[in-house]
Amino acid sequence: MVTIPGRWLDAHDRAWAFGVERLFDLLEGQYVDASVALNLFTEDMARADARLASSGQTGDEAPDELQDELRRREEEIGSDRFWREYLTVQREAMAAVLQRRWARGEWPDDFERRKVFLHAHLFVFALDGFVRTLGVLADTPGAPDVVAAGAAGLRKALPHLKGVRDSAAHLENRGRGLNKRGQPLDLKPIDNWLVKASGGVLGLSILNRSKLGYTTEAGEYGEIDVSPVTLSLVRDTFQQIINAFPWRGTTRTIPRTA
């Protein structure tokens, strides 16, 4: 939670204050987006772990809908035609089963698997937007020095943030192993938990538990940890910067409670 000790900046130059307040609104939105993304990511990772654990358990299982559908169709068209056209019948039966499952609100497996990736990417994009906006605030005349220090501190703590975000946003180039100028990437050697390759590797949207990884334009493999630890870095920096400005009005919190 972040606390803002007022509703407005306490400054005589209202034009300046209005411009800075708009930047704070952007920072707040990006921080909230990152928080929401982290919560959704954590929830869906827990669901994925639960599905994986339950898939290895034995015991009473729900009736196999596909087999039931196949038996129904065999009775409907007769065994001779059923076996003669089995591949077509099986494909149509599977489509019918899937349609019923989706109508009940069950997500396709491919969709379920992608949810954690979507949340991880939203987290990265929100953090990148926060750091970029912080850079604009740091360049604003009259901004306290702590703003520039905060922006620099986040860039140092998250050295691959920009590279991961840029690769995720420009897959039309990175997916072909190219930089933003259309030139081949100079892949750097890699030696980590995932792979050891002296000639480097092109990694795109790789999720190692809570870490989202991409090969960056620099040819390095970079990761961002989608975790409370990462978000706390942003939260603490945000609070320090808020505290460096004069405020007036009623104190409020982020996220807002009302």
Protein backbone atom coordinates (compact mmCIF):
# COMPACT_ATOMS: atom_id res chain seq x y z
CA MET A 1 0.00 0.00 0.00
CA VAL A 2 1.14 3.53 -0.84
CA THR A 3 0.01 6.61 1.12
CA ILE A 4 -0.42 10.05 -0.43
CA PRO A 5 -0.56 12.71 2.33
CA GLY A 6 -2.96 14.96 0.43
CA ARG A 7 -5.22 15.38 -2.57
CA TRP A 8 -3.27 18.09 -4.36
CA LEU A 9 0.27 19.42 -4.54
CA ASP A 10 0.83 22.43 -2.31
CA ALA A 11 2.38 24.83 -4.82
CA HIS A 12 1.77 28.45 -5.83
CA ASP A 13 2.34 27.65 -9.51
CA ARG A 14 -0.89 25.79 -10.26
CA ALA A 15 0.05 25.12 -13.89
CA TRP A 16 3.21 23.36 -12.73
CA ALA A 17 1.30 21.52 -10.00
CA PHE A 18 -1.37 20.37 -12.46
CA GLY A 19 1.24 18.95 -14.82
CA VAL A 20 3.00 17.07 -12.01
CA GLU A 21 -0.31 15.80 -10.62
CA ARG A 22 -1.12 14.32 -14.03
CA LEU A 23 2.19 12.44 -13.96
CA PHE A 24 1.36 11.17 -10.48
CA ASP A 25 -1.99 9.96 -11.82
CA LEU A 26 -0.13 8.00 -14.51
CA LEU A 27 2.26 6.55 -11.94
CA GLU A 28 -0.67 5.52 -9.78
CA GLY A 29 -2.41 3.78 -12.68
CA GLN A 30 0.73 1.89 -13.67
CA TYR A 31 1.41 0.84 -10.10
CA VAL A 32 -2.18 -0.40 -9.71
CA ASP A 33 -1.97 -2.27 -13.04
CA ALA A 34 1.21 -4.00 -11.88
CA SER A 35 -0.44 -4.90 -8.58
CA VAL A 36 -3.51 -6.35 -10.29
CA ALA A 37 -1.36 -8.26 -12.78
CA LEU A 38 0.71 -9.74 -9.95
CA ASN A 39 -2.38 -10.87 -8.06
CA LEU A 40 -3.90 -12.47 -11.16
CA PHE A 41 -0.58 -14.11 -12.01
CA THR A 42 -0.26 -15.56 -8.51
CA GLU A 43 -3.83 -16.87 -8.53
CA ASP A 44 -3.49 -18.54 -11.92
CA MET A 45 -0.11 -20.04 -11.05
CA ALA A 46 -1.74 -21.60 -7.97
CA ARG A 47 -4.58 -22.97 -10.11
CA ALA A 48 -2.08 -24.39 -12.60
CA ASP A 49 -0.19 -26.12 -9.78
CA ALA A 50 -3.46 -27.52 -8.42
CA ARG A 51 -4.46 -28.85 -11.85
CA LEU A 52 -1.06 -30.47 -12.25
CA ALA A 53 -1.30 -32.09 -8.82
CA SER A 54 -4.84 -33.35 -9.37
CA SER A 55 -4.00 -34.80 -12.77
CA GLY A 56 -1.68 -37.32 -11.12
CA GLN A 57 -4.20 -38.45 -8.54
CA THR A 58 -6.22 -41.65 -8.90
CA GLY A 59 -9.77 -42.33 -7.83
CA ASP A 60 -13.26 -41.79 -9.13
CA GLU A 61 -13.21 -39.81 -12.33
CA ALA A 62 -15.96 -37.97 -14.12
CA PRO A 63 -17.51 -39.90 -17.05
CA ASP A 64 -15.51 -39.51 -20.21
CA GLU A 65 -17.65 -37.19 -22.26
CA LEU A 66 -15.97 -38.08 -25.50
CA GLN A 67 -16.60 -41.81 -25.08
CA ASP A 68 -20.21 -41.11 -24.16
CA GLU A 69 -20.59 -38.94 -27.25
CA LEU A 70 -19.01 -41.60 -29.47
CA ARG A 71 -21.34 -44.30 -28.10
CA ARG A 72 -24.33 -42.04 -28.69
CA ARG A 73 -23.28 -41.42 -32.29
CA GLU A 74 -22.68 -45.12 -32.94
CA GLU A 75 -26.20 -45.86 -31.79
CA GLU A 76 -27.49 -43.02 -33.95
CA ILE A 77 -25.82 -43.93 -37.28
CA GLY A 78 -25.14 -47.64 -36.79
CA SER A 79 -21.90 -49.54 -36.23
CA ASP A 80 -21.09 -50.08 -39.91
CA ARG A 81 -21.15 -46.40 -40.80
CA PHE A 82 -19.61 -45.47 -37.45
CA TRP A 83 -16.45 -47.50 -38.08
CA ARG A 84 -16.34 -46.69 -41.77
CA GLU A 85 -16.36 -42.97 -41.04
CA TYR A 86 -14.68 -43.19 -37.64
CA LEU A 87 -12.15 -40.36 -38.09
CA THR A 88 -14.84 -37.92 -39.19
CA VAL A 89 -17.23 -39.05 -36.45
CA GLN A 90 -14.50 -38.76 -33.80
CA ARG A 91 -13.61 -35.23 -34.94
CA GLU A 92 -17.26 -34.14 -34.86
CA ALA A 93 -17.78 -35.78 -31.45
CA MET A 94 -14.77 -34.01 -30.01
CA ALA A 95 -16.01 -30.67 -31.38
CA ALA A 96 -19.41 -31.27 -29.76
CA VAL A 97 -17.82 -32.13 -26.40
CA LEU A 98 -15.61 -29.05 -26.49
CA GLN A 99 -18.54 -26.80 -27.40
CA ARG A 100 -20.51 -28.09 -24.41
CA ARG A 101 -17.54 -27.56 -22.09
CA TRP A 102 -17.01 -24.01 -23.34
CA ALA A 103 -20.73 -23.30 -22.99
CA ARG A 104 -20.42 -24.35 -19.31
CA GLY A 105 -17.70 -21.74 -18.87
CA GLU A 106 -14.73 -24.12 -18.97
CA TRP A 107 -11.73 -22.55 -20.69
CA PRO A 108 -9.87 -24.44 -23.41
CA ASP A 109 -6.58 -25.85 -22.10
CA ASP A 110 -4.61 -23.61 -24.46
CA PHE A 111 -6.37 -20.55 -23.02
CA GLU A 112 -5.75 -21.66 -19.43
CA ARG A 113 -2.04 -22.12 -20.11
CA ARG A 114 -1.73 -18.65 -21.65
CA LYS A 115 -3.33 -16.73 -18.78
CA VAL A 116 -0.19 -16.67 -16.64
CA PHE A 117 1.80 -15.39 -19.63
CA LEU A 118 -0.69 -12.56 -20.20
CA HIS A 119 -0.53 -11.51 -16.54
CA ALA A 120 3.27 -11.67 -16.56
CA HIS A 121 3.44 -9.46 -19.64
CA LEU A 122 0.99 -6.94 -18.17
CA PHE A 123 3.19 -6.79 -15.08
CA VAL A 124 6.29 -6.07 -17.16
CA PHE A 125 4.56 -3.46 -19.32
CA ALA A 126 3.14 -1.69 -16.26
CA LEU A 127 6.54 -1.56 -14.57
CA ASP A 128 8.20 -0.30 -17.73
CA GLY A 129 5.56 2.42 -18.07
CA PHE A 130 6.09 3.38 -14.44
CA VAL A 131 9.86 3.77 -14.90
CA ARG A 132 9.40 5.72 -18.14
CA THR A 133 6.91 8.09 -16.51
CA LEU A 134 9.23 8.49 -13.57
CA GLY A 135 11.92 9.60 -16.02
CA VAL A 136 9.59 12.29 -17.37
CA LEU A 137 8.83 13.46 -13.83
CA ALA A 138 12.56 13.57 -13.06
CA ASP A 139 13.09 15.88 -16.06
CA THR A 140 10.33 18.24 -14.92
CA PRO A 141 11.74 21.58 -13.67
CA GLY A 142 11.39 21.83 -9.90
CA ALA A 143 11.21 18.07 -9.29
CA PRO A 144 13.19 16.99 -6.21
CA ASP A 145 16.44 15.12 -6.82
CA VAL A 146 14.94 12.01 -5.22
CA VAL A 147 12.85 11.47 -8.36
CA ALA A 148 15.88 11.04 -10.62
CA ALA A 149 17.56 8.92 -7.94
CA GLY A 150 14.46 6.73 -7.70
CA ALA A 151 14.27 6.23 -11.45
CA ALA A 152 17.97 5.36 -11.60
CA GLY A 153 17.59 2.98 -8.66
CA LEU A 154 14.79 1.04 -10.37
CA ARG A 155 16.74 0.79 -13.61
CA LYS A 156 19.70 -0.57 -11.68
CA ALA A 157 17.57 -3.03 -9.70
CA LEU A 158 15.73 -4.17 -12.85
CA PRO A 159 18.46 -4.04 -15.51
CA HIS A 160 16.56 -6.20 -18.03
CA LEU A 161 13.20 -4.44 -17.70
CA LYS A 162 13.51 -2.29 -20.81
CA GLY A 163 15.05 -5.10 -22.87
CA VAL A 164 12.39 -7.63 -21.92
CA ARG A 165 9.60 -5.14 -22.53
CA ASP A 166 11.01 -4.09 -25.91
CA SER A 167 11.41 -7.68 -27.08
CA ALA A 168 7.86 -8.50 -25.98
CA ALA A 169 6.53 -5.43 -27.79
CA HIS A 170 8.48 -6.04 -31.01
CA LEU A 171 8.14 -9.73 -31.73
CA GLU A 172 7.96 -8.94 -35.44
CA ASN A 173 11.71 -8.31 -35.19
CA ARG A 174 12.79 -10.32 -32.18
CA GLY A 175 11.00 -13.44 -33.35
CA ARG A 176 13.19 -13.37 -36.46
CA GLY A 177 16.35 -12.79 -34.42
CA LEU A 178 16.61 -9.14 -35.51
CA ASN A 179 17.17 -5.85 -33.72
CA LYS A 180 15.09 -2.72 -34.29
CA ARG A 181 17.21 -1.83 -37.33
CA GLY A 182 16.48 -5.19 -38.93
CA GLN A 183 20.00 -6.50 -38.33
CA PRO A 184 20.74 -9.96 -36.86
CA LEU A 185 21.12 -10.03 -33.08
CA ASP A 186 24.61 -10.52 -31.67
CA LEU A 187 23.66 -13.35 -29.33
CA LYS A 188 25.72 -13.48 -26.14
CA PRO A 189 26.83 -16.70 -24.41
CA ILE A 190 24.37 -18.00 -21.84
CA ASP A 191 24.87 -20.33 -18.89
CA ASN A 192 21.94 -20.57 -16.48
CA TRP A 193 19.27 -22.94 -15.17
CA LEU A 194 17.69 -23.19 -18.62
CA VAL A 195 20.47 -23.63 -21.11
CA LYS A 196 24.21 -23.44 -21.63
CA ALA A 197 25.21 -22.16 -25.06
CA SER A 198 28.45 -20.44 -25.99
CA GLY A 199 26.81 -19.08 -29.13
CA GLY A 200 23.82 -17.64 -27.30
CA VAL A 201 20.16 -18.49 -27.68
CA LEU A 202 16.99 -16.78 -28.90
CA GLY A 203 14.46 -17.03 -26.08
CA LEU A 204 10.96 -15.60 -26.45
CA SER A 205 8.30 -15.43 -23.71
CA ILE A 206 9.86 -18.09 -21.48
CA LEU A 207 8.31 -18.47 -18.06
CA ASN A 208 10.44 -20.12 -15.38
CA ARG A 209 8.01 -20.16 -12.49
CA SER A 210 7.71 -16.45 -11.68
CA LYS A 211 10.39 -15.19 -14.07
CA LEU A 212 9.47 -13.98 -17.57
CA GLY A 213 12.42 -14.10 -19.95
CA TYR A 214 13.32 -12.81 -23.41
CA THR A 215 16.45 -12.39 -25.44
CA THR A 216 16.95 -8.64 -25.56
CA GLU A 217 18.14 -6.44 -28.41
CA ALA A 218 21.60 -6.55 -26.82
CA GLY A 219 21.63 -10.30 -27.48
CA GLU A 220 21.48 -11.13 -23.77
CA TYR A 221 18.85 -13.32 -22.14
CA GLY A 222 17.03 -11.20 -19.56
CA GLU A 223 14.36 -11.95 -16.97
CA ILE A 224 11.89 -10.03 -14.82
CA ASP A 225 10.63 -11.68 -11.67
CA VAL A 226 6.84 -11.35 -11.45
CA SER A 227 6.78 -11.35 -7.67
CA PRO A 228 5.95 -9.27 -4.58
CA VAL A 229 9.69 -8.61 -4.19
CA THR A 230 9.80 -6.80 -7.53
CA LEU A 231 6.59 -4.89 -6.85
CA SER A 232 7.89 -3.83 -3.42
CA LEU A 233 10.84 -2.10 -5.13
CA VAL A 234 8.39 -0.01 -7.12
CA ARG A 235 6.15 0.61 -4.12
CA ASP A 236 8.99 1.82 -1.90
CA THR A 237 10.36 4.08 -4.65
CA PHE A 238 6.89 5.49 -5.31
CA GLN A 239 6.40 6.26 -1.62
CA GLN A 240 9.77 7.99 -1.33
CA ILE A 241 8.98 10.21 -4.29
CA ILE A 242 5.51 11.05 -3.00
CA ASN A 243 6.99 12.02 0.34
CA ALA A 244 9.44 14.39 -1.36
CA PHE A 245 6.62 16.65 -2.60
CA PRO A 246 4.46 19.03 -0.53
CA TRP A 247 0.77 18.05 -0.37
CA ARG A 248 -2.45 19.53 0.92
CA GLY A 249 -5.85 18.03 1.55
CA THR A 250 -6.99 14.69 2.92
CA THR A 251 -4.62 11.74 3.05
CA ARG A 252 -5.52 8.79 0.82
CA THR A 253 -4.09 5.40 -0.03
CA ILE A 254 -3.28 3.43 -3.16
CA PRO A 255 -5.17 1.27 -3.84
CA ARG A 256 -8.09 3.49 -2.97
CA THR A 257 -10.41 2.09 -0.33
CA ALA A 258 -13.42 4.14 -1.40
